[in-house]
């Protein structure tokens, strides 16, 4: 069963069936007890009516009137019967309705005690009987015991219970079906955003749309936003690779044209060697820059936050070995909870380029700081050194690809340009200023 709606409906049906079954059993038991209690109350009322109508005659014999207030006692087969026996179990009086009915003469309660018993035909109870013993004193002042038996057939009671069960089952079934129908409508309404999301995804697969449109409920909107971010990121990566290949091909045309023209012009060997080395160096810079730009992953909505401090410590430990002869002292001011929400390779590339420049120009000190902005939505990395710094008139120049503030210092001049492009890729910026240490302070805000 692959449909969530079908699963929920099946589970709802089982839960409702179980709930209404228990409810039906509880109501049935409650109704049976109530009906039985009402039957006992009626028997007790009829007993009191008989006691009120009974009296001793002049012969000190118990007599009852021929016509009783309860008409069912006077009708044969009415289902309500009564009998009075004396202390020797001899029948003193019987109602007309008891014609042909045999009472259980073994029941003999103590005086003033009421006893309910069920008479059976061998299979099922057929009558509920109330027995009561009373003491009667006649004119001779001799006490006499009489046992009153009042019984009523249970077929009316059972019919009443069966009718109630039938009505109860009918209404519970109708309630179950109605609730299931309402549940189905609710599920259809609740799942409509999911259907809309699936339709939008199908439209994207068919090429009819580029993003997921529309507003979704609070629980689904983050999913739609993350899918849009993921798809936009994938398209941006693909476009970057295409652009990188196109730019690489275009950028290599000039060095190749220079080499071709030098060869065709018959340039002397020494001069040709110099031209080749120069153009190869330029081609190497172009390829390195384009590859770094294409490999940048950019911001990701589904990536797990990555701690920054371990990555910075790893890079600075490697640079300590590379620049061991300069005895640079690196200071790290990064709290353990500072994280970077992006690709690990991008973080290492940014920190590596900025830290390498700082080590390269520093005299004795390099300082690396990082922190997160409000709600962790911003990441700020600051790298400073105590070197000569960057003159104000060259701040924009060093941002260009291949630009170097000091041409005598080894390097390709790509570090700052790569970091700036990555910062822009993450929707951020790169800021260059003067450090309190005396050198340059490069800050990346993403």
Protein backbone atom coordinates (compact mmCIF):
# COMPACT_ATOMS: atom_id res chain seq x y z
CA UNK A 1 0.00 0.00 0.00
CA UNK A 2 2.04 2.92 -1.32
CA UNK A 3 -0.53 5.69 -0.89
CA UNK A 4 -0.25 7.66 2.33
CA UNK A 5 -3.93 8.54 2.12
CA UNK A 6 -4.89 4.87 1.77
CA UNK A 7 -2.71 3.95 4.73
CA UNK A 8 -4.23 6.68 6.88
CA UNK A 9 -7.77 5.67 5.87
CA UNK A 10 -7.11 2.00 6.68
CA UNK A 11 -5.59 2.90 10.04
CA UNK A 12 -8.46 5.29 10.75
CA UNK A 13 -10.99 2.63 9.82
CA UNK A 14 -9.35 0.10 12.14
CA UNK A 15 -9.13 2.61 14.99
CA UNK A 16 -12.73 3.73 14.53
CA UNK A 17 -13.95 0.13 14.26
CA UNK A 18 -12.12 -0.79 17.46
CA UNK A 19 -13.32 2.34 19.25
CA UNK A 20 -16.96 1.89 18.24
CA UNK A 21 -16.82 -1.84 19.01
CA UNK A 22 -15.68 -1.07 22.55
CA UNK A 23 -18.23 1.73 22.75
CA UNK A 24 -20.96 -0.64 21.56
CA UNK A 25 -20.02 -3.28 24.13
CA UNK A 26 -19.96 -0.69 26.91
CA UNK A 27 -23.33 0.81 25.88
CA UNK A 28 -24.86 -2.64 25.48
CA UNK A 29 -23.76 -3.68 28.96
CA UNK A 30 -24.97 -0.40 30.41
CA UNK A 31 -28.35 -0.76 28.70
CA UNK A 32 -28.73 -4.39 29.86
CA UNK A 33 -27.98 -3.37 33.44
CA UNK A 34 -30.37 -0.44 33.18
CA UNK A 35 -33.15 -2.59 31.67
CA UNK A 36 -32.63 -5.31 34.28
CA UNK A 37 -32.68 -2.71 37.05
CA UNK A 38 -35.94 -1.32 35.66
CA UNK A 39 -37.39 -4.85 35.56
CA UNK A 40 -36.45 -5.46 39.18
CA UNK A 41 -37.96 -2.13 40.17
CA UNK A 42 -41.22 -3.10 38.44
CA UNK A 43 -41.29 -6.44 40.23
CA UNK A 44 -40.69 -4.69 43.54
CA UNK A 45 -43.51 -2.22 42.80
CA UNK A 46 -45.88 -5.07 41.96
CA UNK A 47 -44.85 -6.84 45.18
CA UNK A 48 -45.68 -3.75 47.22
CA UNK A 49 -49.05 -3.55 45.42
CA UNK A 50 -49.81 -7.16 46.41
CA UNK A 51 -48.77 -6.53 50.00
CA UNK A 52 -51.02 -3.50 50.12
CA UNK A 53 -53.99 -5.44 48.70
CA UNK A 54 -53.55 -8.51 50.96
CA UNK A 55 -55.25 -8.89 54.34
CA UNK A 56 -56.40 -11.56 56.84
CA UNK A 57 -60.09 -12.42 56.99
CA UNK A 58 -62.08 -13.33 60.05
CA UNK A 59 -60.72 -16.86 59.83
CA UNK A 60 -57.18 -15.52 59.94
CA UNK A 61 -56.62 -16.61 56.37
CA UNK A 62 -54.79 -14.40 53.87
CA UNK A 63 -57.05 -13.16 51.09
CA UNK A 64 -56.53 -10.84 48.10
CA UNK A 65 -59.18 -9.17 45.96
CA UNK A 66 -60.36 -10.88 42.80
CA UNK A 67 -59.38 -7.90 40.66
CA UNK A 68 -55.94 -6.39 41.30
CA UNK A 69 -54.91 -2.84 40.36
CA UNK A 70 -52.32 -4.22 37.93
CA UNK A 71 -54.44 -5.57 35.03
CA UNK A 72 -51.71 -7.94 33.85
CA UNK A 73 -52.23 -10.04 36.99
CA UNK A 74 -55.81 -10.63 35.79
CA UNK A 75 -54.90 -11.68 32.20
CA UNK A 76 -53.84 -15.22 31.37
CA UNK A 77 -50.56 -15.24 29.43
CA UNK A 78 -49.72 -11.63 30.20
CA UNK A 79 -46.26 -12.65 31.41
CA UNK A 80 -46.65 -11.11 34.87
CA UNK A 81 -47.60 -13.71 37.51
CA UNK A 82 -47.78 -13.87 41.28
CA UNK A 83 -48.28 -16.48 44.00
CA UNK A 84 -48.48 -16.58 47.78
CA UNK A 85 -47.46 -19.60 49.88
CA UNK A 86 -47.65 -20.19 53.57
CA UNK A 87 -44.88 -21.45 55.88
CA UNK A 88 -45.63 -25.06 54.81
CA UNK A 89 -45.15 -24.18 51.11
CA UNK A 90 -48.84 -24.63 50.46
CA UNK A 91 -50.29 -22.29 47.86
CA UNK A 92 -52.54 -19.68 49.48
CA UNK A 93 -53.25 -17.53 46.44
CA UNK A 94 -52.34 -17.32 42.74
CA UNK A 95 -53.04 -14.65 40.17
CA UNK A 96 -55.19 -15.48 37.16
CA UNK A 97 -52.17 -14.86 34.90
CA UNK A 98 -50.36 -17.77 36.68
CA UNK A 99 -52.74 -20.34 35.27
CA UNK A 100 -50.72 -23.38 34.20
CA UNK A 101 -47.43 -21.95 35.47
CA UNK A 102 -45.37 -23.78 38.08
CA UNK A 103 -43.37 -21.68 40.59
CA UNK A 104 -40.09 -22.66 42.09
CA UNK A 105 -41.18 -23.60 45.65
CA UNK A 106 -37.61 -24.10 46.87
CA UNK A 107 -37.00 -20.37 47.31
CA UNK A 108 -37.86 -19.36 50.86
CA UNK A 109 -36.09 -16.16 51.97
CA UNK A 110 -35.88 -15.03 55.58
CA UNK A 111 -38.58 -12.64 56.81
CA UNK A 112 -38.07 -9.17 55.37
CA UNK A 113 -35.50 -10.39 52.79
CA UNK A 114 -35.93 -9.94 49.05
CA UNK A 115 -34.42 -12.58 46.75
CA UNK A 116 -34.23 -12.37 42.95
CA UNK A 117 -33.91 -15.64 41.02
CA UNK A 118 -34.10 -16.58 37.35
CA UNK A 119 -36.21 -19.49 36.26
CA UNK A 120 -34.94 -21.39 33.24
CA UNK A 121 -36.42 -23.77 30.72
CA UNK A 122 -33.17 -25.70 30.68
CA UNK A 123 -31.41 -23.57 28.07
CA UNK A 124 -32.15 -19.87 28.66
CA UNK A 125 -33.69 -17.86 31.51
CA UNK A 126 -37.44 -17.43 30.91
CA UNK A 127 -38.57 -15.52 34.03
CA UNK A 128 -37.12 -13.23 36.67
CA UNK A 129 -38.78 -13.88 40.07
CA UNK A 130 -38.79 -11.78 43.21
CA UNK A 131 -39.46 -13.67 46.46
CA UNK A 132 -40.30 -11.95 49.74
CA UNK A 133 -41.27 -13.41 53.15
CA UNK A 134 -43.49 -11.41 55.46
CA UNK A 135 -44.81 -12.04 58.99
CA UNK A 136 -48.53 -11.52 59.48
CA UNK A 137 -50.33 -11.46 62.84
CA UNK A 138 -54.06 -12.17 62.95
CA UNK A 139 -56.74 -11.60 65.52
CA UNK A 140 -55.53 -14.55 67.59
CA UNK A 141 -52.18 -12.81 67.92
CA UNK A 142 -50.43 -15.77 66.33
CA UNK A 143 -47.71 -14.82 63.82
CA UNK A 144 -47.98 -16.39 60.38
CA UNK A 145 -45.33 -16.43 57.62
CA UNK A 146 -46.26 -15.94 53.99
CA UNK A 147 -43.92 -16.05 50.98
CA UNK A 148 -44.85 -13.76 48.07
CA UNK A 149 -43.52 -14.68 44.62
CA UNK A 150 -43.79 -12.17 41.75
CA UNK A 151 -42.29 -13.09 38.36
CA UNK A 152 -42.19 -11.63 34.86
CA UNK A 153 -41.22 -13.24 31.62
CA UNK A 154 -37.87 -12.13 30.12
CA UNK A 155 -38.92 -12.29 26.47
CA UNK A 156 -39.99 -8.63 26.50
CA UNK A 157 -36.76 -7.71 28.22
CA UNK A 158 -34.71 -9.67 25.68
CA UNK A 159 -36.67 -8.13 22.80
CA UNK A 160 -35.98 -4.69 24.21
CA UNK A 161 -32.26 -5.50 24.48
CA UNK A 162 -32.16 -6.90 20.92
CA UNK A 163 -33.94 -3.85 19.54
CA UNK A 164 -31.47 -1.60 21.32
CA UNK A 165 -28.54 -3.64 19.96
CA UNK A 166 -29.91 -3.41 16.44
CA UNK A 167 -30.37 0.36 16.69
CA UNK A 168 -26.97 0.75 18.35
CA UNK A 169 -25.21 -1.28 15.63
CA UNK A 170 -27.01 0.65 12.90
CA UNK A 171 -26.15 4.08 14.28
CA UNK A 172 -22.58 3.15 15.14
CA UNK A 173 -22.10 1.82 11.60
CA UNK A 174 -23.56 5.02 10.15
CA UNK A 175 -21.33 7.09 12.44
CA UNK A 176 -18.27 5.06 11.42
CA UNK A 177 -18.98 5.49 7.70
CA UNK A 178 -19.72 9.19 8.17
CA UNK A 179 -16.52 9.76 10.14
CA UNK A 180 -14.51 7.83 7.54
CA UNK A 181 -16.01 9.97 4.78
CA UNK A 182 -15.17 13.12 6.75
CA UNK A 183 -11.69 11.74 7.41
CA UNK A 184 -11.22 11.10 3.69
CA UNK A 185 -12.24 14.67 2.88
CA UNK A 186 -9.93 16.01 5.57
CA UNK A 187 -7.03 13.90 4.27
CA UNK A 188 -7.72 15.08 0.75
CA UNK A 189 -7.68 18.70 1.91
CA UNK A 190 -4.59 18.23 4.08
CA UNK A 191 -2.69 16.36 1.37
CA UNK A 192 -3.55 18.87 -1.37
CA UNK A 193 -0.26 20.80 -0.82
CA UNK A 194 1.65 17.54 -1.29
CA UNK A 195 -0.24 16.87 -4.52
CA UNK A 196 0.53 20.42 -5.66
CA UNK A 197 4.19 19.87 -4.80
CA UNK A 198 4.23 16.59 -6.75
CA UNK A 199 2.55 18.28 -9.75
CA UNK A 200 5.10 21.10 -9.68
CA UNK A 201 7.94 18.56 -9.54
CA UNK A 202 6.41 16.75 -12.52
CA UNK A 203 6.20 20.06 -14.37
CA UNK A 204 9.88 20.67 -13.63
CA UNK A 205 10.79 17.19 -14.85
CA UNK A 206 8.85 17.85 -18.06
CA UNK A 207 10.64 21.16 -18.51
CA UNK A 208 7.52 23.28 -18.10
CA UNK A 209 8.86 25.06 -15.02
CA UNK A 210 12.21 25.97 -13.52
CA UNK A 211 11.25 26.41 -9.85
CA UNK A 212 8.55 25.29 -7.43
CA UNK A 213 5.90 27.99 -7.48
CA UNK A 214 3.19 28.74 -4.93
CA UNK A 215 2.96 29.02 -1.17
CA UNK A 216 2.87 25.87 0.92
CA UNK A 217 1.97 25.18 4.56
CA UNK A 218 4.54 25.93 7.23
CA UNK A 219 5.57 22.28 7.48
CA UNK A 220 6.19 21.93 3.71
CA UNK A 221 7.49 25.39 2.78
CA UNK A 222 11.05 24.70 4.05
CA UNK A 223 11.12 21.57 1.87
CA UNK A 224 10.03 23.54 -1.18
CA UNK A 225 12.54 26.30 -0.43
CA UNK A 226 15.38 23.80 0.02
CA UNK A 227 14.44 22.02 -3.21
CA UNK A 228 14.44 25.34 -5.05
CA UNK A 229 17.84 26.19 -3.53
CA UNK A 230 19.18 22.76 -4.43
CA UNK A 231 17.93 22.98 -8.01
CA UNK A 232 19.21 26.54 -8.39
CA UNK A 233 22.58 25.41 -7.03
CA UNK A 234 22.70 22.50 -9.48
CA UNK A 235 21.84 24.79 -12.38
CA UNK A 236 24.41 27.32 -11.21
CA UNK A 237 27.09 24.60 -11.01
CA UNK A 238 26.24 23.39 -14.49
CA UNK A 239 26.29 26.93 -15.83
CA UNK A 240 29.60 27.61 -14.08
CA UNK A 241 31.20 24.60 -15.68
CA UNK A 242 29.89 25.63 -19.09
CA UNK A 243 31.07 29.18 -18.58
CA UNK A 244 34.42 27.95 -17.28
CA UNK A 245 34.96 25.83 -20.37
CA UNK A 246 33.92 28.67 -22.64
CA UNK A 247 36.05 31.22 -20.79
CA UNK A 248 38.98 28.83 -20.68
CA UNK A 249 38.80 28.27 -24.41
CA UNK A 250 38.48 31.99 -25.03
CA UNK A 251 41.31 32.90 -22.62
CA UNK A 252 43.70 30.38 -24.17
CA UNK A 253 43.23 31.78 -27.66
CA UNK A 254 45.57 34.73 -27.09
CA UNK A 255 48.55 32.75 -25.64
CA UNK A 256 48.14 30.14 -28.38
CA UNK A 257 47.99 32.85 -31.04
CA UNK A 258 51.19 34.39 -29.63
CA UNK A 259 52.96 31.03 -29.73
CA UNK A 260 51.73 30.31 -33.26
CA UNK A 261 52.79 33.70 -34.58
CA UNK A 262 56.22 33.39 -32.90
CA UNK A 263 56.79 30.00 -34.48
CA UNK A 264 55.54 31.09 -37.92
CA UNK A 265 57.66 34.25 -37.78
CA UNK A 266 60.84 32.23 -37.25
CA UNK A 267 61.72 33.86 -33.94
CA UNK A 268 65.28 33.05 -32.75
CA UNK A 269 65.55 30.14 -30.31
CA UNK A 270 66.43 32.17 -27.21
CA UNK A 271 63.69 34.68 -27.82
CA UNK A 272 61.24 31.85 -28.67
CA UNK A 273 62.13 30.06 -25.42
CA UNK A 274 61.37 33.24 -23.46
CA UNK A 275 58.06 33.70 -25.29
CA UNK A 276 57.08 30.07 -24.69
CA UNK A 277 57.89 30.25 -20.96
CA UNK A 278 55.96 33.49 -20.62
CA UNK A 279 52.90 32.16 -22.45
CA UNK A 280 53.01 28.82 -20.60
CA UNK A 281 53.10 30.70 -17.31
CA UNK A 282 50.12 32.71 -18.41
CA UNK A 283 48.25 29.63 -19.60
CA UNK A 284 48.96 27.90 -16.28
CA UNK A 285 47.50 30.89 -14.38
CA UNK A 286 44.43 30.90 -16.62
CA UNK A 287 43.77 27.17 -16.17
CA UNK A 288 44.30 27.32 -12.38
CA UNK A 289 41.96 30.26 -12.01
CA UNK A 290 39.21 28.76 -14.17
CA UNK A 291 39.38 25.41 -12.39
CA UNK A 292 39.19 27.03 -8.98
CA UNK A 293 36.23 29.12 -10.06
CA UNK A 294 34.38 26.13 -11.55
CA UNK A 295 35.06 23.91 -8.53
CA UNK A 296 33.53 26.34 -6.01
CA UNK A 297 30.47 24.64 -4.58
CA UNK A 298 28.61 27.67 -3.25
CA UNK A 299 26.00 27.90 -0.56
CA UNK A 300 23.94 24.77 0.04
CA UNK A 301 20.58 24.64 1.80
CA UNK A 302 20.86 20.97 2.79
CA UNK A 303 24.46 20.82 3.95
CA UNK A 304 25.28 20.23 7.60
CA UNK A 305 27.00 23.11 9.45
CA UNK A 306 30.76 22.56 9.60
CA UNK A 307 32.91 23.70 12.57
CA UNK A 308 35.40 26.34 11.43
CA UNK A 309 38.09 26.13 14.11
CA UNK A 310 39.40 22.62 13.17
CA UNK A 311 39.68 23.57 9.48
CA UNK A 312 41.61 26.76 10.31
CA UNK A 313 43.93 24.90 12.70
CA UNK A 314 44.68 22.30 10.04
CA UNK A 315 45.56 24.90 7.41
CA UNK A 316 47.70 26.99 9.76
CA UNK A 317 49.56 23.87 10.89
CA UNK A 318 50.45 23.15 7.26
CA UNK A 319 51.51 26.75 6.63
CA UNK A 320 53.70 26.69 9.75
CA UNK A 321 55.70 23.96 8.05
CA UNK A 322 55.79 25.73 4.68
CA UNK A 323 56.99 29.03 6.21
CA UNK A 324 59.03 27.48 9.02
CA UNK A 325 61.98 29.77 8.16
CA UNK A 326 60.00 32.94 8.94
CA UNK A 327 58.97 31.96 12.51
CA UNK A 328 55.48 33.37 12.09
CA UNK A 329 53.29 33.21 15.20
CA UNK A 330 49.66 32.48 14.29
CA UNK A 331 46.82 33.44 16.62
CA UNK A 332 43.37 31.89 16.29
CA UNK A 333 40.33 33.59 17.78
CA UNK A 334 37.45 31.30 16.82
CA UNK A 335 34.85 29.94 19.26
CA UNK A 336 34.04 26.20 19.02
CA UNK A 337 30.41 26.92 18.10
CA UNK A 338 31.30 28.98 15.01
CA UNK A 339 30.16 27.07 11.90
CA UNK A 340 30.26 27.47 8.13
CA UNK A 341 27.14 26.50 6.16
CA UNK A 342 28.62 25.52 2.86
CA UNK A 343 31.06 23.21 1.13
CA UNK A 344 34.13 22.18 3.11
CA UNK A 345 36.34 22.58 0.04
CA UNK A 346 35.20 26.19 -0.37
CA UNK A 347 36.03 26.97 3.26
CA UNK A 348 39.49 25.40 2.96
CA UNK A 349 40.07 27.29 -0.29
CA UNK A 350 39.11 30.64 1.24
CA UNK A 351 41.06 30.16 4.46
CA UNK A 352 44.02 28.69 2.58
CA UNK A 353 44.32 31.59 0.15
CA UNK A 354 43.95 34.32 2.79
CA UNK A 355 46.22 32.61 5.32
CA UNK A 356 48.87 31.90 2.67
CA UNK A 357 48.91 35.59 1.70
CA UNK A 358 49.12 36.58 5.36
CA UNK A 359 52.05 34.22 6.03
CA UNK A 360 53.72 35.40 2.86
CA UNK A 361 53.64 39.07 3.84
CA UNK A 362 53.75 38.85 7.64
CA UNK A 363 56.84 39.70 9.64
CA UNK A 364 56.08 37.75 12.83
CA UNK A 365 52.30 37.66 13.48
CA UNK A 366 49.19 36.38 11.75
CA UNK A 367 45.75 36.55 13.33
CA UNK A 368 42.65 34.62 12.17
CA UNK A 369 39.20 35.44 13.54
CA UNK A 370 35.74 34.11 12.67
CA UNK A 371 32.24 34.45 14.03
CA UNK A 372 28.60 33.90 13.05
CA UNK A 373 26.04 36.65 12.70
CA UNK A 374 22.50 36.68 14.14
CA UNK A 375 20.75 33.27 14.06
CA UNK A 376 23.85 31.80 12.42
CA UNK A 377 22.86 33.16 8.99
CA UNK A 378 26.10 35.06 8.42
CA UNK A 379 29.70 33.92 8.48
CA UNK A 380 32.57 36.40 8.87
CA UNK A 381 36.23 35.43 8.48
CA UNK A 382 39.01 37.96 9.15
CA UNK A 383 42.71 37.35 8.47
CA UNK A 384 45.32 39.94 9.54
CA UNK A 385 49.08 40.21 9.48
CA UNK A 386 51.78 42.61 10.66
CA UNK A 387 53.38 42.97 7.26
CA UNK A 388 53.70 46.09 5.13
CA UNK A 389 50.01 46.06 4.22
CA UNK A 390 48.40 47.07 0.93
CA UNK A 391 48.61 50.71 -0.18
CA UNK A 392 45.18 52.35 -0.49
CA UNK A 393 45.69 53.06 -4.17
CA UNK A 394 46.17 49.33 -4.85
CA UNK A 395 43.15 47.98 -2.90
CA UNK A 396 41.06 47.58 -6.05
CA UNK A 397 44.00 46.49 -8.16
CA UNK A 398 44.84 43.43 -6.01
CA UNK A 399 41.30 42.13 -6.48
CA UNK A 400 41.96 41.57 -10.18
CA UNK A 401 43.00 38.16 -11.40
CA UNK A 402 46.78 37.85 -11.61
CA UNK A 403 47.40 41.18 -9.85
CA UNK A 404 50.20 41.31 -7.23
CA UNK A 405 51.08 44.20 -4.99
CA UNK A 406 54.76 43.22 -5.17
CA UNK A 407 55.85 41.53 -8.40
CA UNK A 408 59.04 40.24 -6.73
CA UNK A 409 57.06 38.04 -4.33
CA UNK A 410 56.41 34.51 -5.71
CA UNK A 411 52.84 33.70 -6.63
CA UNK A 412 50.28 33.95 -9.37
CA UNK A 413 48.22 36.78 -7.91
CA UNK A 414 45.06 34.62 -7.92
CA UNK A 415 44.40 34.24 -4.18
CA UNK A 416 42.45 37.43 -3.52
CA UNK A 417 40.54 37.13 -6.82
CA UNK A 418 39.51 33.53 -6.07
CA UNK A 419 38.35 34.46 -2.55
CA UNK A 420 36.36 37.41 -3.88
CA UNK A 421 34.63 35.25 -6.49
CA UNK A 422 33.77 32.64 -3.87
CA UNK A 423 32.40 35.30 -1.54
CA UNK A 424 30.20 36.60 -4.34
CA UNK A 425 29.12 33.03 -5.08
CA UNK A 426 27.83 32.82 -1.50
CA UNK A 427 26.11 36.19 -1.78
CA UNK A 428 28.77 37.93 0.29
CA UNK A 429 31.63 40.35 -0.11
CA UNK A 430 35.35 40.77 0.51
CA UNK A 431 36.63 43.83 2.40
CA UNK A 432 40.31 44.86 2.54
CA UNK A 433 41.46 47.33 5.18
CA UNK A 434 44.38 48.23 7.45
CA UNK A 435 45.01 45.92 10.38
CA UNK A 436 45.76 47.15 13.90
CA UNK A 437 48.77 44.82 13.66
CA UNK A 438 50.17 47.12 10.98
CA UNK A 439 49.60 45.00 7.88
CA UNK A 440 46.57 44.07 5.79
CA UNK A 441 43.22 42.90 7.15
CA UNK A 442 41.13 40.89 4.72
CA UNK A 443 37.55 40.17 5.82
CA UNK A 444 35.14 37.82 4.06
CA UNK A 445 31.44 38.22 4.86
CA UNK A 446 29.10 35.52 3.56
